[in-house]
Amino acid sequence: MQWEAQRLCTDAGDYELVVEKQKLDWDCDQPIDSWKWAVVFHGTIVASGTTNDMESAKRIAEASVPTKP
């Protein structure tokens, strides 16, 4: 049996970064997997998106953390 992470979370200062697997099954033999990423500030999503690769989702989430002025 192979286990696979479905949701990853980490902190970046006051922000929480979340990456989770999204499965899209259109009754095909091969389901489509994508990864949703989000930057959360005290429960409010300040940036989000999707990509086809977990590593890309992590990089985009990290790059989307707002910088302090």
PDB file of N, CA and C in Angstrom:
ATOM      1  N   MET A   1       0.845  -1.179   0.000  1.00  0.00           N
ATOM      2  CA  MET A   1       0.000   0.000   0.000  1.00  0.00           C
ATOM      3  C   MET A   1       0.886   1.237   0.000  1.00  0.00           C
ATOM      4  N   GLN A   2       0.561   2.194  -0.846  1.00  0.00           N
ATOM      5  CA  GLN A   2       1.338   3.429  -0.945  1.00  0.00           C
ATOM      6  C   GLN A   2       0.502   4.592  -0.427  1.00  0.00           C
ATOM      7  N   TRP A   3       1.054   5.335   0.529  1.00  0.00           N
ATOM      8  CA  TRP A   3       0.388   6.503   1.086  1.00  0.00           C
ATOM      9  C   TRP A   3       0.922   7.746   0.401  1.00  0.00           C
ATOM     10  N   GLU A   4       0.072   8.732   0.225  1.00  0.00           N
ATOM     11  CA  GLU A   4       0.474   9.961  -0.435  1.00  0.00           C
ATOM     12  C   GLU A   4      -0.101  11.148   0.335  1.00  0.00           C
ATOM     13  N   ALA A   5       0.728  12.162   0.559  1.00  0.00           N
ATOM     14  CA  ALA A   5       0.272  13.366   1.254  1.00  0.00           C
ATOM     15  C   ALA A   5      -0.790  14.064   0.415  1.00  0.00           C
ATOM     16  N   GLN A   6      -1.888  14.432   1.051  1.00  0.00           N
ATOM     17  CA  GLN A   6      -2.977  15.107   0.363  1.00  0.00           C
ATOM     18  C   GLN A   6      -3.046  16.590   0.720  1.00  0.00           C
ATOM     19  N   ARG A   7      -2.449  16.968   1.876  1.00  0.00           N
ATOM     20  CA  ARG A   7      -2.512  18.356   2.328  1.00  0.00           C
ATOM     21  C   ARG A   7      -1.231  18.676   3.087  1.00  0.00           C
ATOM     22  N   LEU A   8      -0.587  19.766   2.709  1.00  0.00           N
ATOM     23  CA  LEU A   8       0.648  20.215   3.342  1.00  0.00           C
ATOM     24  C   LEU A   8       0.420  21.620   3.889  1.00  0.00           C
ATOM     25  N   CYS A   9       0.916  21.891   5.092  1.00  0.00           N
ATOM     26  CA  CYS A   9       0.771  23.210   5.704  1.00  0.00           C
ATOM     27  C   CYS A   9       2.105  23.627   6.315  1.00  0.00           C
ATOM     28  N   THR A  10       2.383  24.920   6.269  1.00  0.00           N
ATOM     29  CA  THR A  10       3.558  25.464   6.928  1.00  0.00           C
ATOM     30  C   THR A  10       3.286  26.931   7.241  1.00  0.00           C
ATOM     31  N   ASP A  11       4.086  27.488   8.111  1.00  0.00           N
ATOM     32  CA  ASP A  11       3.958  28.898   8.458  1.00  0.00           C
ATOM     33  C   ASP A  11       5.054  29.709   7.785  1.00  0.00           C
ATOM     34  N   ALA A  12       4.697  30.938   7.410  1.00  0.00           N
ATOM     35  CA  ALA A  12       5.656  31.892   6.850  1.00  0.00           C
ATOM     36  C   ALA A  12       5.381  33.217   7.548  1.00  0.00           C
ATOM     37  N   GLY A  13       6.017  33.424   8.692  1.00  0.00           N
ATOM     38  CA  GLY A  13       5.742  34.623   9.479  1.00  0.00           C
ATOM     39  C   GLY A  13       4.323  34.564  10.016  1.00  0.00           C
ATOM     40  N   ASP A  14       3.531  35.599   9.738  1.00  0.00           N
ATOM     41  CA  ASP A  14       2.137  35.649  10.184  1.00  0.00           C
ATOM     42  C   ASP A  14       1.194  34.912   9.239  1.00  0.00           C
ATOM     43  N   TYR A  15       1.720  34.337   8.172  1.00  0.00           N
ATOM     44  CA  TYR A  15       0.903  33.689   7.152  1.00  0.00           C
ATOM     45  C   TYR A  15       1.008  32.179   7.245  1.00  0.00           C
ATOM     46  N   GLU A  16      -0.058  31.484   6.852  1.00  0.00           N
ATOM     47  CA  GLU A  16      -0.045  30.031   6.741  1.00  0.00           C
ATOM     48  C   GLU A  16      -0.099  29.684   5.261  1.00  0.00           C
ATOM     49  N   LEU A  17       0.765  28.778   4.834  1.00  0.00           N
ATOM     50  CA  LEU A  17       0.770  28.313   3.446  1.00  0.00           C
ATOM     51  C   LEU A  17       0.131  26.936   3.412  1.00  0.00           C
ATOM     52  N   VAL A  18      -0.825  26.742   2.523  1.00  0.00           N
ATOM     53  CA  VAL A  18      -1.542  25.479   2.421  1.00  0.00           C
ATOM     54  C   VAL A  18      -1.458  24.992   0.982  1.00  0.00           C
ATOM     55  N   VAL A  19      -1.095  23.718   0.808  1.00  0.00           N
ATOM     56  CA  VAL A  19      -1.094  23.078  -0.509  1.00  0.00           C
ATOM     57  C   VAL A  19      -1.876  21.782  -0.346  1.00  0.00           C
ATOM     58  N   GLU A  20      -2.914  21.604  -1.169  1.00  0.00           N
ATOM     59  CA  GLU A  20      -3.698  20.378  -1.060  1.00  0.00           C
ATOM     60  C   GLU A  20      -4.032  19.814  -2.428  1.00  0.00           C
ATOM     61  N   LYS A  21      -4.111  18.502  -2.471  1.00  0.00           N
ATOM     62  CA  LYS A  21      -4.372  17.797  -3.718  1.00  0.00           C
ATOM     63  C   LYS A  21      -5.852  17.868  -4.054  1.00  0.00           C
ATOM     64  N   GLN A  22      -6.137  18.166  -5.299  1.00  0.00           N
ATOM     65  CA  GLN A  22      -7.503  18.216  -5.809  1.00  0.00           C
ATOM     66  C   GLN A  22      -7.638  17.127  -6.865  1.00  0.00           C
ATOM     67  N   LYS A  23      -8.637  16.275  -6.744  1.00  0.00           N
ATOM     68  CA  LYS A  23      -8.855  15.233  -7.742  1.00  0.00           C
ATOM     69  C   LYS A  23     -10.061  15.598  -8.591  1.00  0.00           C
ATOM     70  N   LEU A  24      -9.873  15.567  -9.875  1.00  0.00           N
ATOM     71  CA  LEU A  24     -10.962  15.808 -10.812  1.00  0.00           C
ATOM     72  C   LEU A  24     -11.196  14.509 -11.580  1.00  0.00           C
ATOM     73  N   ASP A  25     -12.335  13.904 -11.387  1.00  0.00           N
ATOM     74  CA  ASP A  25     -12.635  12.633 -12.039  1.00  0.00           C
ATOM     75  C   ASP A  25     -13.819  12.834 -12.973  1.00  0.00           C
ATOM     76  N   TRP A  26     -13.551  12.759 -14.232  1.00  0.00           N
ATOM     77  CA  TRP A  26     -14.597  12.951 -15.235  1.00  0.00           C
ATOM     78  C   TRP A  26     -15.012  11.615 -15.843  1.00  0.00           C
ATOM     79  N   ASP A  27     -15.093  10.590 -15.009  1.00  0.00           N
ATOM     80  CA  ASP A  27     -15.434   9.237 -15.456  1.00  0.00           C
ATOM     81  C   ASP A  27     -14.473   8.743 -16.530  1.00  0.00           C
ATOM     82  N   CYS A  28     -13.218   9.110 -16.371  1.00  0.00           N
ATOM     83  CA  CYS A  28     -12.182   8.652 -17.294  1.00  0.00           C
ATOM     84  C   CYS A  28     -11.355   7.578 -16.594  1.00  0.00           C
ATOM     85  N   ASP A  29     -10.587   6.852 -17.379  1.00  0.00           N
ATOM     86  CA  ASP A  29      -9.702   5.856 -16.805  1.00  0.00           C
ATOM     87  C   ASP A  29      -8.605   6.506 -15.971  1.00  0.00           C
ATOM     88  N   GLN A  30      -8.182   7.679 -16.363  1.00  0.00           N
ATOM     89  CA  GLN A  30      -7.096   8.386 -15.697  1.00  0.00           C
ATOM     90  C   GLN A  30      -7.624   9.683 -15.086  1.00  0.00           C
ATOM     91  N   PRO A  31      -7.807   9.741 -13.743  1.00  0.00           N
ATOM     92  CA  PRO A  31      -8.282  10.988 -13.143  1.00  0.00           C
ATOM     93  C   PRO A  31      -7.230  12.089 -13.261  1.00  0.00           C
ATOM     94  N   ILE A  32      -7.684  13.327 -13.303  1.00  0.00           N
ATOM     95  CA  ILE A  32      -6.794  14.476 -13.406  1.00  0.00           C
ATOM     96  C   ILE A  32      -6.498  14.982 -12.000  1.00  0.00           C
ATOM     97  N   ASP A  33      -5.237  15.078 -11.649  1.00  0.00           N
ATOM     98  CA  ASP A  33      -4.843  15.595 -10.345  1.00  0.00           C
ATOM     99  C   ASP A  33      -4.284  17.001 -10.509  1.00  0.00           C
ATOM    100  N   SER A  34      -4.641  17.869  -9.591  1.00  0.00           N
ATOM    101  CA  SER A  34      -4.038  19.191  -9.550  1.00  0.00           C
ATOM    102  C   SER A  34      -3.798  19.544  -8.091  1.00  0.00           C
ATOM    103  N   TRP A  35      -3.004  20.579  -7.880  1.00  0.00           N
ATOM    104  CA  TRP A  35      -2.660  21.005  -6.532  1.00  0.00           C
ATOM    105  C   TRP A  35      -3.108  22.440  -6.332  1.00  0.00           C
ATOM    106  N   LYS A  36      -3.927  22.656  -5.309  1.00  0.00           N
ATOM    107  CA  LYS A  36      -4.401  23.983  -4.971  1.00  0.00           C
ATOM    108  C   LYS A  36      -3.482  24.556  -3.900  1.00  0.00           C
ATOM    109  N   TRP A  37      -3.068  25.813  -4.070  1.00  0.00           N
ATOM    110  CA  TRP A  37      -2.230  26.468  -3.070  1.00  0.00           C
ATOM    111  C   TRP A  37      -2.960  27.705  -2.560  1.00  0.00           C
ATOM    112  N   ALA A  38      -2.665  28.078  -1.307  1.00  0.00           N
ATOM    113  CA  ALA A  38      -3.285  29.274  -0.735  1.00  0.00           C
ATOM    114  C   ALA A  38      -2.355  29.885   0.299  1.00  0.00           C
ATOM    115  N   VAL A  39      -2.411  31.204   0.402  1.00  0.00           N
ATOM    116  CA  VAL A  39      -1.719  31.955   1.445  1.00  0.00           C
ATOM    117  C   VAL A  39      -2.821  32.517   2.337  1.00  0.00           C
ATOM    118  N   VAL A  40      -2.774  32.165   3.633  1.00  0.00           N
ATOM    119  CA  VAL A  40      -3.851  32.511   4.558  1.00  0.00           C
ATOM    120  C   VAL A  40      -3.315  33.428   5.656  1.00  0.00           C
ATOM    121  N   PHE A  41      -4.053  34.504   5.934  1.00  0.00           N
ATOM    122  CA  PHE A  41      -3.686  35.445   6.992  1.00  0.00           C
ATOM    123  C   PHE A  41      -4.853  35.526   7.982  1.00  0.00           C
ATOM    124  N   HIS A  42      -4.666  34.960   9.160  1.00  0.00           N
ATOM    125  CA  HIS A  42      -5.700  34.945  10.204  1.00  0.00           C
ATOM    126  C   HIS A  42      -7.049  34.464   9.667  1.00  0.00           C
ATOM    127  N   GLY A  43      -7.041  33.375   8.915  1.00  0.00           N
ATOM    128  CA  GLY A  43      -8.265  32.780   8.398  1.00  0.00           C
ATOM    129  C   GLY A  43      -8.768  33.346   7.083  1.00  0.00           C
ATOM    130  N   THR A  44      -8.114  34.370   6.549  1.00  0.00           N
ATOM    131  CA  THR A  44      -8.521  34.986   5.285  1.00  0.00           C
ATOM    132  C   THR A  44      -7.529  34.610   4.194  1.00  0.00           C
ATOM    133  N   ILE A  45      -8.021  34.078   3.091  1.00  0.00           N
ATOM    134  CA  ILE A  45      -7.156  33.731   1.959  1.00  0.00           C
ATOM    135  C   ILE A  45      -6.780  35.017   1.238  1.00  0.00           C
ATOM    136  N   VAL A  46      -5.484  35.311   1.179  1.00  0.00           N
ATOM    137  CA  VAL A  46      -5.019  36.523   0.511  1.00  0.00           C
ATOM    138  C   VAL A  46      -4.478  36.241  -0.895  1.00  0.00           C
ATOM    139  N   ALA A  47      -4.184  34.980  -1.187  1.00  0.00           N
ATOM    140  CA  ALA A  47      -3.745  34.587  -2.525  1.00  0.00           C
ATOM    141  C   ALA A  47      -4.010  33.089  -2.676  1.00  0.00           C
ATOM    142  N   SER A  48      -4.375  32.656  -3.878  1.00  0.00           N
ATOM    143  CA  SER A  48      -4.601  31.227  -4.112  1.00  0.00           C
ATOM    144  C   SER A  48      -4.536  30.939  -5.604  1.00  0.00           C
ATOM    145  N   GLY A  49      -4.428  29.661  -5.923  1.00  0.00           N
ATOM    146  CA  GLY A  49      -4.392  29.238  -7.311  1.00  0.00           C
ATOM    147  C   GLY A  49      -4.231  27.738  -7.401  1.00  0.00           C
ATOM    148  N   THR A  50      -4.083  27.222  -8.600  1.00  0.00           N
ATOM    149  CA  THR A  50      -3.874  25.792  -8.808  1.00  0.00           C
ATOM    150  C   THR A  50      -2.770  25.578  -9.831  1.00  0.00           C
ATOM    151  N   THR A  51      -2.138  24.426  -9.718  1.00  0.00           N
ATOM    152  CA  THR A  51      -1.106  24.019 -10.668  1.00  0.00           C
ATOM    153  C   THR A  51      -1.122  22.498 -10.738  1.00  0.00           C
ATOM    154  N   ASN A  52      -0.435  21.923 -11.698  1.00  0.00           N
ATOM    155  CA  ASN A  52      -0.444  20.475 -11.879  1.00  0.00           C
ATOM    156  C   ASN A  52       0.625  19.749 -11.083  1.00  0.00           C
ATOM    157  N   ASP A  53       1.480  20.482 -10.368  1.00  0.00           N
ATOM    158  CA  ASP A  53       2.628  19.867  -9.708  1.00  0.00           C
ATOM    159  C   ASP A  53       2.736  20.350  -8.260  1.00  0.00           C
ATOM    160  N   MET A  54       2.947  19.432  -7.325  1.00  0.00           N
ATOM    161  CA  MET A  54       3.041  19.792  -5.915  1.00  0.00           C
ATOM    162  C   MET A  54       4.204  20.738  -5.637  1.00  0.00           C
ATOM    163  N   GLU A  55       5.358  20.495  -6.211  1.00  0.00           N
ATOM    164  CA  GLU A  55       6.528  21.348  -5.969  1.00  0.00           C
ATOM    165  C   GLU A  55       6.290  22.761  -6.500  1.00  0.00           C
ATOM    166  N   SER A  56       5.642  22.860  -7.656  1.00  0.00           N
ATOM    167  CA  SER A  56       5.312  24.181  -8.203  1.00  0.00           C
ATOM    168  C   SER A  56       4.343  24.910  -7.287  1.00  0.00           C
ATOM    169  N   ALA A  57       3.372  24.195  -6.753  1.00  0.00           N
ATOM    170  CA  ALA A  57       2.395  24.807  -5.856  1.00  0.00           C
ATOM    171  C   ALA A  57       3.083  25.349  -4.609  1.00  0.00           C
ATOM    172  N   LYS A  58       4.037  24.600  -4.068  1.00  0.00           N
ATOM    173  CA  LYS A  58       4.767  25.069  -2.882  1.00  0.00           C
ATOM    174  C   LYS A  58       5.578  26.320  -3.207  1.00  0.00           C
ATOM    175  N   ARG A  59       6.271  26.321  -4.350  1.00  0.00           N
ATOM    176  CA  ARG A  59       7.078  27.487  -4.741  1.00  0.00           C
ATOM    177  C   ARG A  59       6.214  28.721  -4.965  1.00  0.00           C
ATOM    178  N   ILE A  60       5.077  28.546  -5.638  1.00  0.00           N
ATOM    179  CA  ILE A  60       4.199  29.683  -5.916  1.00  0.00           C
ATOM    180  C   ILE A  60       3.620  30.234  -4.621  1.00  0.00           C
ATOM    181  N   ALA A  61       3.220  29.352  -3.702  1.00  0.00           N
ATOM    182  CA  ALA A  61       2.686  29.807  -2.414  1.00  0.00           C
ATOM    183  C   ALA A  61       3.720  30.618  -1.655  1.00  0.00           C
ATOM    184  N   GLU A  62       4.960  30.126  -1.625  1.00  0.00           N
ATOM    185  CA  GLU A  62       6.035  30.845  -0.930  1.00  0.00           C
ATOM    186  C   GLU A  62       6.275  32.214  -1.560  1.00  0.00           C
ATOM    187  N   ALA A  63       6.251  32.259  -2.882  1.00  0.00           N
ATOM    188  CA  ALA A  63       6.507  33.527  -3.587  1.00  0.00           C
ATOM    189  C   ALA A  63       5.326  34.499  -3.465  1.00  0.00           C
ATOM    190  N   SER A  64       4.154  33.995  -3.077  1.00  0.00           N
ATOM    191  CA  SER A  64       2.953  34.829  -2.991  1.00  0.00           C
ATOM    192  C   SER A  64       2.731  35.440  -1.621  1.00  0.00           C
ATOM    193  N   VAL A  65       3.613  35.164  -0.666  1.00  0.00           N
ATOM    194  CA  VAL A  65       3.481  35.775   0.659  1.00  0.00           C
ATOM    195  C   VAL A  65       3.759  37.267   0.521  1.00  0.00           C
ATOM    196  N   PRO A  66       2.825  38.115   0.962  1.00  0.00           N
ATOM    197  CA  PRO A  66       3.046  39.569   0.848  1.00  0.00           C
ATOM    198  C   PRO A  66       4.268  40.010   1.638  1.00  0.00           C
ATOM    199  N   THR A  67       4.990  40.963   1.094  1.00  0.00           N
ATOM    200  CA  THR A  67       6.135  41.527   1.810  1.00  0.00           C
ATOM    201  C   THR A  67       5.696  42.771   2.556  1.00  0.00           C
ATOM    202  N   LYS A  68       6.331  42.997   3.673  1.00  0.00           N
ATOM    203  CA  LYS A  68       5.995  44.186   4.464  1.00  0.00           C
ATOM    204  C   LYS A  68       6.592  45.422   3.798  1.00  0.00           C
ATOM    205  N   PRO A  69       5.820  46.528   3.760  1.00  0.00           N
ATOM    206  CA  PRO A  69       6.323  47.742   3.080  1.00  0.00           C
ATOM    207  C   PRO A  69       7.495  48.365   3.801  1.00  0.00           C
TER     208      PRO A  69
END
